[in-house]
Amino acid sequence: MAGENIIVSTSYLPPLGYVSALLKAGETLIDLGETYPKQTCRNHANIYGPGGKQTLSIPVNKPDGNHTKTLDIRISYALPWQKTHWRAIEAAYNNSPYFLYYQDYFRPFFENEYDLLADFNSEILETVYRLLRIPGRIRFTETYVRNPEGMRDLRNELTAKHAGAICPPYTQTFSEKHGFIPNLSIIDLIFNLGEEAAEYLQSVILN
């Protein structure tokens, strides 16, 4: 049975709490009309690297400065961040159980250039939905929704730096070395659990 409707922000390789909320929601509205904030999951993702938790950050350009809407945020290619991110992902998950099976679904995002961050994130999310067989119930708004009616507002709860989720432990590539790290990017779950990832997400609880 579908849950409550929610409104969220866009997210780069979203964390488990984010995808779990979308999986359980009746309908999801992604707000692209909000003024773009810094240092959030909108352009940051956390993976489990050889040294522990590792943050990947997409450099962006804001055409209208601090007043730029999320839908207008452009990805910067002044530095080879795509190559850096993919190398980090390979180092993190090359020895995980399902990396070889799923890597080709994600590799193109680090080879092809996208102009807009919102488009880049949306296509990654579509890929995640397809792999996890999540029913598509997502809409986008280009106008900021100040007071969403009939929806739970998770725009800050899911994408702020302090956001978290209660995640039952599962085996991660370097967990014997650094222990279990909760609420990492969805790719950590997919590369480690494969087809069991969708079932696991049902057990995740937002803080």
C-alpha atoms as a PDB file:
ATOM      1  CA  MET A   1       0.000   0.000   0.000  1.00  0.00           C
ATOM      2  CA  ALA A   2       1.412   3.393  -1.004  1.00  0.00           C
ATOM      3  CA  GLY A   3       2.404   5.759   1.780  1.00  0.00           C
ATOM      4  CA  GLU A   4       2.130   9.505   2.188  1.00  0.00           C
ATOM      5  CA  ASN A   5       3.044  11.939  -0.568  1.00  0.00           C
ATOM      6  CA  ILE A   6       6.384  13.701  -0.102  1.00  0.00           C
ATOM      7  CA  ILE A   7       8.331  16.652  -1.497  1.00  0.00           C
ATOM      8  CA  VAL A   8      12.126  16.431  -1.768  1.00  0.00           C
ATOM      9  CA  SER A   9      15.068  18.165  -3.388  1.00  0.00           C
ATOM     10  CA  THR A  10      17.182  16.696  -6.141  1.00  0.00           C
ATOM     11  CA  SER A  11      20.085  14.485  -5.034  1.00  0.00           C
ATOM     12  CA  TYR A  12      23.332  13.170  -6.550  1.00  0.00           C
ATOM     13  CA  LEU A  13      23.687   9.383  -6.105  1.00  0.00           C
ATOM     14  CA  PRO A  14      21.176   9.762  -3.271  1.00  0.00           C
ATOM     15  CA  PRO A  15      21.631   8.309   0.221  1.00  0.00           C
ATOM     16  CA  LEU A  16      19.677   5.317   1.450  1.00  0.00           C
ATOM     17  CA  GLY A  17      17.253   7.379   3.537  1.00  0.00           C
ATOM     18  CA  TYR A  18      16.304   9.392   0.450  1.00  0.00           C
ATOM     19  CA  VAL A  19      15.651   6.372  -1.786  1.00  0.00           C
ATOM     20  CA  SER A  20      13.842   4.541   1.002  1.00  0.00           C
ATOM     21  CA  ALA A  21      11.492   7.508   1.455  1.00  0.00           C
ATOM     22  CA  LEU A  22      10.775   7.593  -2.288  1.00  0.00           C
ATOM     23  CA  LEU A  23      10.195   3.842  -2.366  1.00  0.00           C
ATOM     24  CA  LYS A  24       7.586   4.056   0.391  1.00  0.00           C
ATOM     25  CA  ALA A  25       5.903   7.274  -0.787  1.00  0.00           C
ATOM     26  CA  GLY A  26       2.583   7.468  -2.563  1.00  0.00           C
ATOM     27  CA  GLU A  27       3.852  10.220  -4.854  1.00  0.00           C
ATOM     28  CA  THR A  28       7.102  12.193  -4.878  1.00  0.00           C
ATOM     29  CA  LEU A  29       7.445  15.812  -5.933  1.00  0.00           C
ATOM     30  CA  ILE A  30      11.020  16.969  -6.618  1.00  0.00           C
ATOM     31  CA  ASP A  31      11.355  20.725  -6.117  1.00  0.00           C
ATOM     32  CA  LEU A  32      13.590  22.292  -8.765  1.00  0.00           C
ATOM     33  CA  GLY A  33      12.326  25.800  -8.067  1.00  0.00           C
ATOM     34  CA  GLU A  34      14.036  26.180  -4.700  1.00  0.00           C
ATOM     35  CA  THR A  35      17.015  28.522  -4.297  1.00  0.00           C
ATOM     36  CA  TYR A  36      20.093  26.328  -4.466  1.00  0.00           C
ATOM     37  CA  PRO A  37      21.902  25.835  -1.118  1.00  0.00           C
ATOM     38  CA  LYS A  38      25.521  24.799  -0.619  1.00  0.00           C
ATOM     39  CA  GLN A  39      27.021  21.587   0.727  1.00  0.00           C
ATOM     40  CA  THR A  40      24.066  19.239   0.536  1.00  0.00           C
ATOM     41  CA  CYS A  41      23.250  15.971  -1.198  1.00  0.00           C
ATOM     42  CA  ARG A  42      22.075  17.965  -4.190  1.00  0.00           C
ATOM     43  CA  ASN A  43      25.633  17.743  -5.504  1.00  0.00           C
ATOM     44  CA  HIS A  44      27.355  15.648  -2.790  1.00  0.00           C
ATOM     45  CA  ALA A  45      27.398  11.871  -2.348  1.00  0.00           C
ATOM     46  CA  ASN A  46      29.043   9.673   0.290  1.00  0.00           C
ATOM     47  CA  ILE A  47      30.622   6.337  -0.585  1.00  0.00           C
ATOM     48  CA  TYR A  48      32.684   3.800   1.370  1.00  0.00           C
ATOM     49  CA  GLY A  49      36.271   4.213   0.200  1.00  0.00           C
ATOM     50  CA  PRO A  50      39.371   2.253   1.310  1.00  0.00           C
ATOM     51  CA  GLY A  51      39.957   4.877   4.011  1.00  0.00           C
ATOM     52  CA  GLY A  52      36.344   5.014   5.201  1.00  0.00           C
ATOM     53  CA  LYS A  53      33.594   7.491   4.408  1.00  0.00           C
ATOM     54  CA  GLN A  54      34.450   9.494   1.291  1.00  0.00           C
ATOM     55  CA  THR A  55      32.524  12.457  -0.109  1.00  0.00           C
ATOM     56  CA  LEU A  56      32.191  13.046  -3.852  1.00  0.00           C
ATOM     57  CA  SER A  57      31.293  16.599  -4.837  1.00  0.00           C
ATOM     58  CA  ILE A  58      30.170  17.865  -8.245  1.00  0.00           C
ATOM     59  CA  PRO A  59      31.494  21.379  -9.001  1.00  0.00           C
ATOM     60  CA  VAL A  60      28.695  23.666 -10.157  1.00  0.00           C
ATOM     61  CA  ASN A  61      28.130  27.123 -11.615  1.00  0.00           C
ATOM     62  CA  LYS A  62      25.345  29.399 -10.361  1.00  0.00           C
ATOM     63  CA  PRO A  63      24.340  31.819 -13.169  1.00  0.00           C
ATOM     64  CA  ASP A  64      22.341  34.019 -10.787  1.00  0.00           C
ATOM     65  CA  GLY A  65      24.675  33.759  -7.830  1.00  0.00           C
ATOM     66  CA  ASN A  66      23.070  32.882  -4.502  1.00  0.00           C
ATOM     67  CA  HIS A  67      19.623  33.469  -6.017  1.00  0.00           C
ATOM     68  CA  THR A  68      20.007  30.704  -8.603  1.00  0.00           C
ATOM     69  CA  LYS A  69      17.202  28.167  -8.701  1.00  0.00           C
ATOM     70  CA  THR A  70      18.132  24.496  -8.595  1.00  0.00           C
ATOM     71  CA  LEU A  71      16.767  23.970 -12.107  1.00  0.00           C
ATOM     72  CA  ASP A  72      19.322  26.503 -13.425  1.00  0.00           C
ATOM     73  CA  ILE A  73      22.395  25.076 -11.683  1.00  0.00           C
ATOM     74  CA  ARG A  74      24.999  24.090 -14.250  1.00  0.00           C
ATOM     75  CA  ILE A  75      27.688  21.463 -13.891  1.00  0.00           C
ATOM     76  CA  SER A  76      31.258  22.737 -14.209  1.00  0.00           C
ATOM     77  CA  TYR A  77      33.820  20.747 -16.176  1.00  0.00           C
ATOM     78  CA  ALA A  78      36.781  23.028 -15.478  1.00  0.00           C
ATOM     79  CA  LEU A  79      38.259  20.119 -13.521  1.00  0.00           C
ATOM     80  CA  PRO A  80      38.046  16.410 -14.515  1.00  0.00           C
ATOM     81  CA  TRP A  81      35.683  15.543 -11.674  1.00  0.00           C
ATOM     82  CA  GLN A  82      33.967  12.746 -13.629  1.00  0.00           C
ATOM     83  CA  LYS A  83      37.217  10.806 -13.970  1.00  0.00           C
ATOM     84  CA  THR A  84      38.032  11.456 -10.299  1.00  0.00           C
ATOM     85  CA  HIS A  85      34.616  10.278  -9.122  1.00  0.00           C
ATOM     86  CA  TRP A  86      34.608   7.127 -11.206  1.00  0.00           C
ATOM     87  CA  ARG A  87      38.103   6.182 -10.086  1.00  0.00           C
ATOM     88  CA  ALA A  88      36.963   6.641  -6.484  1.00  0.00           C
ATOM     89  CA  ILE A  89      33.904   4.461  -7.124  1.00  0.00           C
ATOM     90  CA  GLU A  90      36.050   1.750  -8.705  1.00  0.00           C
ATOM     91  CA  ALA A  91      38.497   1.821  -5.782  1.00  0.00           C
ATOM     92  CA  ALA A  92      35.591   1.619  -3.364  1.00  0.00           C
ATOM     93  CA  TYR A  93      33.534  -1.124  -5.001  1.00  0.00           C
ATOM     94  CA  ASN A  94      35.670  -3.079  -7.452  1.00  0.00           C
ATOM     95  CA  ASN A  95      35.761  -5.969  -4.986  1.00  0.00           C
ATOM     96  CA  SER A  96      32.102  -5.754  -3.957  1.00  0.00           C
ATOM     97  CA  PRO A  97      29.848  -8.687  -4.926  1.00  0.00           C
ATOM     98  CA  TYR A  98      27.815  -6.906  -7.603  1.00  0.00           C
ATOM     99  CA  PHE A  99      30.069  -4.172  -8.978  1.00  0.00           C
ATOM    100  CA  LEU A 100      30.889  -6.005 -12.206  1.00  0.00           C
ATOM    101  CA  TYR A 101      27.201  -6.656 -12.810  1.00  0.00           C
ATOM    102  CA  TYR A 102      25.961  -3.110 -12.235  1.00  0.00           C
ATOM    103  CA  GLN A 103      28.912  -0.891 -13.167  1.00  0.00           C
ATOM    104  CA  ASP A 104      27.828  -0.417 -16.772  1.00  0.00           C
ATOM    105  CA  TYR A 105      24.546   1.129 -15.629  1.00  0.00           C
ATOM    106  CA  PHE A 106      26.427   3.929 -13.856  1.00  0.00           C
ATOM    107  CA  ARG A 107      29.649   4.359 -15.843  1.00  0.00           C
ATOM    108  CA  PRO A 108      28.030   6.442 -18.652  1.00  0.00           C
ATOM    109  CA  PHE A 109      27.167   9.184 -16.144  1.00  0.00           C
ATOM    110  CA  PHE A 110      30.892   9.712 -15.701  1.00  0.00           C
ATOM    111  CA  GLU A 111      31.702   9.664 -19.401  1.00  0.00           C
ATOM    112  CA  ASN A 112      28.960  11.856 -20.904  1.00  0.00           C
ATOM    113  CA  GLU A 113      28.618  15.534 -20.074  1.00  0.00           C
ATOM    114  CA  TYR A 114      25.366  17.014 -18.797  1.00  0.00           C
ATOM    115  CA  ASP A 115      24.672  20.727 -18.783  1.00  0.00           C
ATOM    116  CA  LEU A 116      22.223  20.868 -15.876  1.00  0.00           C
ATOM    117  CA  LEU A 117      22.674  19.236 -12.472  1.00  0.00           C
ATOM    118  CA  ALA A 118      18.924  18.554 -12.234  1.00  0.00           C
ATOM    119  CA  ASP A 119      18.965  16.563 -15.483  1.00  0.00           C
ATOM    120  CA  PHE A 120      22.043  14.612 -14.415  1.00  0.00           C
ATOM    121  CA  ASN A 121      20.545  13.705 -11.029  1.00  0.00           C
ATOM    122  CA  SER A 122      17.168  12.843 -12.544  1.00  0.00           C
ATOM    123  CA  GLU A 123      18.646  10.366 -15.011  1.00  0.00           C
ATOM    124  CA  ILE A 124      20.650   8.696 -12.260  1.00  0.00           C
ATOM    125  CA  LEU A 125      17.469   8.413 -10.190  1.00  0.00           C
ATOM    126  CA  GLU A 126      15.627   6.901 -13.159  1.00  0.00           C
ATOM    127  CA  THR A 127      18.391   4.291 -13.427  1.00  0.00           C
ATOM    128  CA  VAL A 128      18.095   3.479  -9.724  1.00  0.00           C
ATOM    129  CA  TYR A 129      14.321   3.158 -10.061  1.00  0.00           C
ATOM    130  CA  ARG A 130      14.729   0.787 -12.982  1.00  0.00           C
ATOM    131  CA  LEU A 131      17.325  -1.390 -11.240  1.00  0.00           C
ATOM    132  CA  LEU A 132      15.311  -1.606  -8.015  1.00  0.00           C
ATOM    133  CA  ARG A 133      11.975  -1.926  -9.841  1.00  0.00           C
ATOM    134  CA  ILE A 134      10.489   1.025  -7.972  1.00  0.00           C
ATOM    135  CA  PRO A 135       7.152   2.165  -9.479  1.00  0.00           C
ATOM    136  CA  GLY A 136       7.570   5.591 -11.068  1.00  0.00           C
ATOM    137  CA  ARG A 137       5.567   8.130  -9.096  1.00  0.00           C
ATOM    138  CA  ILE A 138       7.717  11.241  -9.462  1.00  0.00           C
ATOM    139  CA  ARG A 139       6.747  14.739 -10.573  1.00  0.00           C
ATOM    140  CA  PHE A 140       8.917  17.835 -10.855  1.00  0.00           C
ATOM    141  CA  THR A 141       8.106  21.450 -10.104  1.00  0.00           C
ATOM    142  CA  GLU A 142      10.020  24.431 -11.485  1.00  0.00           C
ATOM    143  CA  THR A 143       8.305  26.816  -9.075  1.00  0.00           C
ATOM    144  CA  TYR A 144       9.224  26.852  -5.391  1.00  0.00           C
ATOM    145  CA  VAL A 145       6.536  25.217  -3.281  1.00  0.00           C
ATOM    146  CA  ARG A 146       6.466  27.315  -0.113  1.00  0.00           C
ATOM    147  CA  ASN A 147       3.709  25.486   1.738  1.00  0.00           C
ATOM    148  CA  PRO A 148       3.112  22.032   0.247  1.00  0.00           C
ATOM    149  CA  GLU A 149      -0.373  20.791   1.045  1.00  0.00           C
ATOM    150  CA  GLY A 150      -1.057  17.130   1.584  1.00  0.00           C
ATOM    151  CA  MET A 151       2.663  16.304   1.395  1.00  0.00           C
ATOM    152  CA  ARG A 152       5.404  15.680   3.925  1.00  0.00           C
ATOM    153  CA  ASP A 153       8.206  18.203   3.380  1.00  0.00           C
ATOM    154  CA  LEU A 154      11.542  16.339   3.323  1.00  0.00           C
ATOM    155  CA  ARG A 155      13.558  18.871   1.326  1.00  0.00           C
ATOM    156  CA  ASN A 156      15.876  19.676   4.204  1.00  0.00           C
ATOM    157  CA  GLU A 157      15.475  16.505   6.228  1.00  0.00           C
ATOM    158  CA  LEU A 158      16.793  14.272   3.455  1.00  0.00           C
ATOM    159  CA  THR A 159      19.475  16.424   1.864  1.00  0.00           C
ATOM    160  CA  ALA A 160      21.025  18.566   4.602  1.00  0.00           C
ATOM    161  CA  LYS A 161      24.444  17.606   5.951  1.00  0.00           C
ATOM    162  CA  HIS A 162      22.912  16.547   9.258  1.00  0.00           C
ATOM    163  CA  ALA A 163      20.307  14.298   7.649  1.00  0.00           C
ATOM    164  CA  GLY A 164      20.393  10.703   8.688  1.00  0.00           C
ATOM    165  CA  ALA A 165      18.512   7.445   8.711  1.00  0.00           C
ATOM    166  CA  ILE A 166      18.409   4.335  10.847  1.00  0.00           C
ATOM    167  CA  CYS A 167      19.982   1.705   8.615  1.00  0.00           C
ATOM    168  CA  PRO A 168      20.328  -1.936   9.705  1.00  0.00           C
ATOM    169  CA  PRO A 169      23.917  -3.156   9.149  1.00  0.00           C
ATOM    170  CA  TYR A 170      24.761  -5.024   5.973  1.00  0.00           C
ATOM    171  CA  THR A 171      28.125  -6.261   4.711  1.00  0.00           C
ATOM    172  CA  GLN A 172      30.122  -3.456   3.081  1.00  0.00           C
ATOM    173  CA  THR A 173      33.374  -3.809   1.157  1.00  0.00           C
ATOM    174  CA  PHE A 174      35.590  -2.399   3.901  1.00  0.00           C
ATOM    175  CA  SER A 175      33.364  -3.028   6.929  1.00  0.00           C
ATOM    176  CA  GLU A 176      35.892  -5.395   8.509  1.00  0.00           C
ATOM    177  CA  LYS A 177      38.403  -2.537   8.498  1.00  0.00           C
ATOM    178  CA  HIS A 178      36.278   0.471   9.421  1.00  0.00           C
ATOM    179  CA  GLY A 179      32.974  -0.968  10.615  1.00  0.00           C
ATOM    180  CA  PHE A 180      29.497  -0.330   9.237  1.00  0.00           C
ATOM    181  CA  ILE A 181      28.813   3.153   7.847  1.00  0.00           C
ATOM    182  CA  PRO A 182      25.073   3.944   7.556  1.00  0.00           C
ATOM    183  CA  ASN A 183      23.148   5.999   5.008  1.00  0.00           C
ATOM    184  CA  LEU A 184      25.739   6.069   2.262  1.00  0.00           C
ATOM    185  CA  SER A 185      24.905   6.486  -1.424  1.00  0.00           C
ATOM    186  CA  ILE A 186      22.458   4.048  -2.955  1.00  0.00           C
ATOM    187  CA  ILE A 187      25.304   2.643  -5.065  1.00  0.00           C
ATOM    188  CA  ASP A 188      26.911   1.277  -1.889  1.00  0.00           C
ATOM    189  CA  LEU A 189      23.788  -0.786  -1.296  1.00  0.00           C
ATOM    190  CA  ILE A 190      23.364  -1.856  -4.921  1.00  0.00           C
ATOM    191  CA  PHE A 191      26.984  -2.939  -5.361  1.00  0.00           C
ATOM    192  CA  ASN A 192      26.928  -4.872  -2.078  1.00  0.00           C
ATOM    193  CA  LEU A 193      23.421  -6.392  -2.007  1.00  0.00           C
ATOM    194  CA  GLY A 194      22.364  -6.510  -5.646  1.00  0.00           C
ATOM    195  CA  GLU A 195      18.714  -7.510  -6.107  1.00  0.00           C
ATOM    196  CA  GLU A 196      18.194  -7.589  -2.325  1.00  0.00           C
ATOM    197  CA  ALA A 197      18.669  -3.794  -2.175  1.00  0.00           C
ATOM    198  CA  ALA A 198      14.988  -2.953  -2.695  1.00  0.00           C
ATOM    199  CA  GLU A 199      13.885  -5.267   0.111  1.00  0.00           C
ATOM    200  CA  TYR A 200      16.528  -3.783   2.421  1.00  0.00           C
ATOM    201  CA  LEU A 201      15.273  -0.242   1.789  1.00  0.00           C
ATOM    202  CA  GLN A 202      11.948  -1.191   3.365  1.00  0.00           C
ATOM    203  CA  SER A 203      13.768  -1.562   6.695  1.00  0.00           C
ATOM    204  CA  VAL A 204      15.373   1.901   6.635  1.00  0.00           C
ATOM    205  CA  ILE A 205      13.769   4.460   8.974  1.00  0.00           C
ATOM    206  CA  LEU A 206      14.261   8.221   8.784  1.00  0.00           C
ATOM    207  CA  ASN A 207      15.558   9.833  11.975  1.00  0.00           C
END
